[in-house]
């Protein structure tokens, strides 16, 4: 009895998650199809940019430092949440406006419920404006990135 094909199949199954992770991280095709398409990769990069801005805002000391410290977090998190929502919307087949509406609902609900009762959050009505601006900028960035990726000039 030849065990070689069985051993090879078992090894392939065991290593499949690792191969898929490598394909996911490097953007290489897995089984003939990309694990994450370019649009999703771009959106993940923008999520990470928003998270980085949120984390680094405390160390900002440049012009308008008070504005950045007070509302930069709302802007950055809303920016990131839009792109998370856009990834989900892309998988569901809904559009960017639906993603923006879902993101705004999520961040404003967080704000209005004082962190869903799970986190300390100080309500400030300007936070709602900062949330909307963050999502609006994210929507604009998403549109410009899409046009650039498609080889079209923005605007």
C-alpha atoms as a PDB file:
ATOM      1  CA  UNK A   1       0.000   0.000   0.000  1.00  0.00           C
ATOM      2  CA  UNK A   2       1.386   3.379  -1.036  1.00  0.00           C
ATOM      3  CA  UNK A   3       1.054   5.974   1.748  1.00  0.00           C
ATOM      4  CA  UNK A   4       2.909   8.713  -0.132  1.00  0.00           C
ATOM      5  CA  UNK A   5      -0.221  10.438  -1.610  1.00  0.00           C
ATOM      6  CA  UNK A   6      -1.985  10.304   1.778  1.00  0.00           C
ATOM      7  CA  UNK A   7       1.029  11.769   3.570  1.00  0.00           C
ATOM      8  CA  UNK A   8       1.317  14.535   0.968  1.00  0.00           C
ATOM      9  CA  UNK A   9      -2.394  15.397   1.229  1.00  0.00           C
ATOM     10  CA  UNK A  10      -2.182  15.521   5.022  1.00  0.00           C
ATOM     11  CA  UNK A  11       0.855  17.789   4.889  1.00  0.00           C
ATOM     12  CA  UNK A  12      -0.914  20.087   2.444  1.00  0.00           C
ATOM     13  CA  UNK A  13      -4.005  20.322   4.657  1.00  0.00           C
ATOM     14  CA  UNK A  14      -1.882  21.122   7.689  1.00  0.00           C
ATOM     15  CA  UNK A  15       0.037  23.812   5.913  1.00  0.00           C
ATOM     16  CA  UNK A  16      -2.945  25.296   4.092  1.00  0.00           C
ATOM     17  CA  UNK A  17      -3.735  27.926   6.753  1.00  0.00           C
ATOM     18  CA  UNK A  18      -0.106  28.993   6.758  1.00  0.00           C
ATOM     19  CA  UNK A  19      -0.043  29.151   2.969  1.00  0.00           C
ATOM     20  CA  UNK A  20      -3.282  31.137   2.974  1.00  0.00           C
ATOM     21  CA  UNK A  21      -1.903  33.537   5.572  1.00  0.00           C
ATOM     22  CA  UNK A  22       1.233  34.041   3.476  1.00  0.00           C
ATOM     23  CA  UNK A  23      -0.904  34.661   0.395  1.00  0.00           C
ATOM     24  CA  UNK A  24      -3.077  37.039   2.368  1.00  0.00           C
ATOM     25  CA  UNK A  25      -0.120  39.049   3.644  1.00  0.00           C
ATOM     26  CA  UNK A  26       1.741  39.104   0.346  1.00  0.00           C
ATOM     27  CA  UNK A  27      -1.252  39.488  -1.920  1.00  0.00           C
ATOM     28  CA  UNK A  28      -0.287  36.451  -3.971  1.00  0.00           C
ATOM     29  CA  UNK A  29      -3.008  34.312  -5.494  1.00  0.00           C
ATOM     30  CA  UNK A  30      -4.150  31.273  -3.529  1.00  0.00           C
ATOM     31  CA  UNK A  31      -5.864  28.552  -5.510  1.00  0.00           C
ATOM     32  CA  UNK A  32      -5.988  30.871  -8.522  1.00  0.00           C
ATOM     33  CA  UNK A  33      -7.777  33.761  -6.765  1.00  0.00           C
ATOM     34  CA  UNK A  34      -6.375  36.535  -4.588  1.00  0.00           C
ATOM     35  CA  UNK A  35      -7.197  36.138  -0.897  1.00  0.00           C
ATOM     36  CA  UNK A  36      -7.678  39.877  -0.567  1.00  0.00           C
ATOM     37  CA  UNK A  37      -8.291  42.027  -3.586  1.00  0.00           C
ATOM     38  CA  UNK A  38      -6.491  45.329  -4.023  1.00  0.00           C
ATOM     39  CA  UNK A  39      -9.467  47.418  -2.905  1.00  0.00           C
ATOM     40  CA  UNK A  40      -9.723  45.557   0.393  1.00  0.00           C
ATOM     41  CA  UNK A  41      -5.972  45.792   0.957  1.00  0.00           C
ATOM     42  CA  UNK A  42      -6.143  49.557   0.414  1.00  0.00           C
ATOM     43  CA  UNK A  43      -9.017  49.820   2.853  1.00  0.00           C
ATOM     44  CA  UNK A  44      -7.164  47.790   5.484  1.00  0.00           C
ATOM     45  CA  UNK A  45      -4.200  50.158   5.042  1.00  0.00           C
ATOM     46  CA  UNK A  46      -6.525  53.131   5.647  1.00  0.00           C
ATOM     47  CA  UNK A  47      -7.950  51.432   8.755  1.00  0.00           C
ATOM     48  CA  UNK A  48      -4.394  51.079  10.068  1.00  0.00           C
ATOM     49  CA  UNK A  49      -3.679  54.713   9.183  1.00  0.00           C
ATOM     50  CA  UNK A  50      -6.711  55.810  11.216  1.00  0.00           C
ATOM     51  CA  UNK A  51      -5.654  53.653  14.160  1.00  0.00           C
ATOM     52  CA  UNK A  52      -2.109  55.036  13.991  1.00  0.00           C
ATOM     53  CA  UNK A  53      -3.431  58.613  13.945  1.00  0.00           C
ATOM     54  CA  UNK A  54      -5.600  57.833  16.970  1.00  0.00           C
ATOM     55  CA  UNK A  55      -2.679  56.356  18.913  1.00  0.00           C
ATOM     56  CA  UNK A  56      -0.233  59.117  17.963  1.00  0.00           C
ATOM     57  CA  UNK A  57      -2.548  62.109  18.494  1.00  0.00           C
ATOM     58  CA  UNK A  58      -1.497  62.422  22.141  1.00  0.00           C
ATOM     59  CA  UNK A  59       2.078  63.142  21.132  1.00  0.00           C
ATOM     60  CA  UNK A  60       1.108  65.825  18.598  1.00  0.00           C
ATOM     61  CA  UNK A  61       2.416  69.260  19.546  1.00  0.00           C
ATOM     62  CA  UNK A  62       2.138  71.248  16.321  1.00  0.00           C
ATOM     63  CA  UNK A  63      -0.336  73.875  15.151  1.00  0.00           C
ATOM     64  CA  UNK A  64      -3.880  73.479  16.470  1.00  0.00           C
ATOM     65  CA  UNK A  65      -2.664  70.952  19.047  1.00  0.00           C
ATOM     66  CA  UNK A  66      -5.704  71.605  21.254  1.00  0.00           C
ATOM     67  CA  UNK A  67      -8.086  70.840  18.373  1.00  0.00           C
ATOM     68  CA  UNK A  68      -6.167  67.653  17.521  1.00  0.00           C
ATOM     69  CA  UNK A  69      -6.155  66.536  21.158  1.00  0.00           C
ATOM     70  CA  UNK A  70      -9.873  67.301  21.633  1.00  0.00           C
ATOM     71  CA  UNK A  71     -11.333  65.984  18.373  1.00  0.00           C
ATOM     72  CA  UNK A  72      -8.530  64.246  16.469  1.00  0.00           C
ATOM     73  CA  UNK A  73      -9.447  60.938  18.088  1.00  0.00           C
ATOM     74  CA  UNK A  74     -13.043  61.211  16.895  1.00  0.00           C
ATOM     75  CA  UNK A  75     -11.843  62.062  13.405  1.00  0.00           C
ATOM     76  CA  UNK A  76      -9.274  59.228  13.288  1.00  0.00           C
ATOM     77  CA  UNK A  77     -11.568  56.544  14.703  1.00  0.00           C
ATOM     78  CA  UNK A  78     -14.441  57.587  12.427  1.00  0.00           C
ATOM     79  CA  UNK A  79     -12.045  57.468   9.465  1.00  0.00           C
ATOM     80  CA  UNK A  80     -10.988  53.919  10.409  1.00  0.00           C
ATOM     81  CA  UNK A  81     -14.549  52.767  11.130  1.00  0.00           C
ATOM     82  CA  UNK A  82     -15.683  53.965   7.696  1.00  0.00           C
ATOM     83  CA  UNK A  83     -13.080  51.757   6.025  1.00  0.00           C
ATOM     84  CA  UNK A  84     -14.045  48.770   8.191  1.00  0.00           C
ATOM     85  CA  UNK A  85     -17.643  49.368   7.212  1.00  0.00           C
ATOM     86  CA  UNK A  86     -16.664  49.739   3.547  1.00  0.00           C
ATOM     87  CA  UNK A  87     -14.930  46.347   3.622  1.00  0.00           C
ATOM     88  CA  UNK A  88     -18.113  44.767   4.987  1.00  0.00           C
ATOM     89  CA  UNK A  89     -20.298  46.709   2.538  1.00  0.00           C
ATOM     90  CA  UNK A  90     -18.162  45.481  -0.352  1.00  0.00           C
ATOM     91  CA  UNK A  91     -18.690  41.887   0.727  1.00  0.00           C
ATOM     92  CA  UNK A  92     -22.454  42.475   1.120  1.00  0.00           C
ATOM     93  CA  UNK A  93     -22.768  44.265  -2.206  1.00  0.00           C
ATOM     94  CA  UNK A  94     -23.919  47.580  -0.759  1.00  0.00           C
ATOM     95  CA  UNK A  95     -22.332  50.881  -1.682  1.00  0.00           C
ATOM     96  CA  UNK A  96     -20.057  53.426  -0.115  1.00  0.00           C
ATOM     97  CA  UNK A  97     -22.928  55.578   1.111  1.00  0.00           C
ATOM     98  CA  UNK A  98     -24.364  52.616   3.019  1.00  0.00           C
ATOM     99  CA  UNK A  99     -20.908  52.064   4.502  1.00  0.00           C
ATOM    100  CA  UNK A 100     -20.716  55.724   5.500  1.00  0.00           C
ATOM    101  CA  UNK A 101     -24.188  55.614   7.083  1.00  0.00           C
ATOM    102  CA  UNK A 102     -23.336  52.450   9.038  1.00  0.00           C
ATOM    103  CA  UNK A 103     -20.045  53.948  10.212  1.00  0.00           C
ATOM    104  CA  UNK A 104     -21.736  57.179  11.308  1.00  0.00           C
ATOM    105  CA  UNK A 105     -24.402  55.224  13.158  1.00  0.00           C
ATOM    106  CA  UNK A 106     -21.731  53.187  14.969  1.00  0.00           C
ATOM    107  CA  UNK A 107     -19.499  56.089  16.043  1.00  0.00           C
ATOM    108  CA  UNK A 108     -22.397  58.355  16.986  1.00  0.00           C
ATOM    109  CA  UNK A 109     -24.063  55.564  18.965  1.00  0.00           C
ATOM    110  CA  UNK A 110     -20.767  55.092  20.804  1.00  0.00           C
ATOM    111  CA  UNK A 111     -20.651  58.815  21.515  1.00  0.00           C
ATOM    112  CA  UNK A 112     -24.273  59.200  22.575  1.00  0.00           C
ATOM    113  CA  UNK A 113     -24.261  56.134  24.849  1.00  0.00           C
ATOM    114  CA  UNK A 114     -21.022  57.192  26.532  1.00  0.00           C
ATOM    115  CA  UNK A 115     -18.976  54.344  25.100  1.00  0.00           C
ATOM    116  CA  UNK A 116     -21.863  51.827  25.072  1.00  0.00           C
ATOM    117  CA  UNK A 117     -21.575  51.861  28.849  1.00  0.00           C
ATOM    118  CA  UNK A 118     -18.343  49.898  28.565  1.00  0.00           C
ATOM    119  CA  UNK A 119     -15.830  52.714  28.309  1.00  0.00           C
ATOM    120  CA  UNK A 120     -15.487  56.134  29.831  1.00  0.00           C
ATOM    121  CA  UNK A 121     -16.438  58.750  27.279  1.00  0.00           C
ATOM    122  CA  UNK A 122     -17.091  62.439  27.793  1.00  0.00           C
ATOM    123  CA  UNK A 123     -19.904  63.721  25.594  1.00  0.00           C
ATOM    124  CA  UNK A 124     -19.190  66.824  23.568  1.00  0.00           C
ATOM    125  CA  UNK A 125     -21.598  67.856  20.776  1.00  0.00           C
ATOM    126  CA  UNK A 126     -18.614  68.822  18.600  1.00  0.00           C
ATOM    127  CA  UNK A 127     -17.572  65.141  18.722  1.00  0.00           C
ATOM    128  CA  UNK A 128     -20.554  64.350  16.495  1.00  0.00           C
ATOM    129  CA  UNK A 129     -19.306  66.896  13.956  1.00  0.00           C
ATOM    130  CA  UNK A 130     -15.756  65.470  14.153  1.00  0.00           C
ATOM    131  CA  UNK A 131     -17.210  61.996  13.549  1.00  0.00           C
ATOM    132  CA  UNK A 132     -19.075  63.193  10.456  1.00  0.00           C
ATOM    133  CA  UNK A 133     -16.019  65.019   9.130  1.00  0.00           C
ATOM    134  CA  UNK A 134     -13.828  61.925   9.647  1.00  0.00           C
ATOM    135  CA  UNK A 135     -16.290  59.773   7.729  1.00  0.00           C
ATOM    136  CA  UNK A 136     -16.692  62.415   5.001  1.00  0.00           C
ATOM    137  CA  UNK A 137     -12.931  62.621   4.522  1.00  0.00           C
ATOM    138  CA  UNK A 138     -12.704  58.816   4.499  1.00  0.00           C
ATOM    139  CA  UNK A 139     -15.424  58.645   1.840  1.00  0.00           C
ATOM    140  CA  UNK A 140     -13.531  61.197  -0.255  1.00  0.00           C
ATOM    141  CA  UNK A 141     -10.227  59.337   0.206  1.00  0.00           C
ATOM    142  CA  UNK A 142     -11.914  56.054  -0.740  1.00  0.00           C
ATOM    143  CA  UNK A 143     -13.338  57.603  -3.909  1.00  0.00           C
ATOM    144  CA  UNK A 144     -10.002  59.179  -4.911  1.00  0.00           C
ATOM    145  CA  UNK A 145      -8.115  55.930  -4.204  1.00  0.00           C
ATOM    146  CA  UNK A 146     -10.654  53.995  -6.291  1.00  0.00           C
ATOM    147  CA  UNK A 147     -10.272  56.414  -9.195  1.00  0.00           C
ATOM    148  CA  UNK A 148      -6.469  56.321  -9.010  1.00  0.00           C
ATOM    149  CA  UNK A 149      -6.470  52.518  -8.890  1.00  0.00           C
ATOM    150  CA  UNK A 150      -8.794  52.437 -11.902  1.00  0.00           C
ATOM    151  CA  UNK A 151      -6.426  54.728 -13.795  1.00  0.00           C
ATOM    152  CA  UNK A 152      -8.781  57.691 -13.765  1.00  0.00           C
ATOM    153  CA  UNK A 153      -7.979  61.189 -12.632  1.00  0.00           C
ATOM    154  CA  UNK A 154      -9.690  62.211  -9.385  1.00  0.00           C
ATOM    155  CA  UNK A 155     -12.564  64.653  -9.655  1.00  0.00           C
END
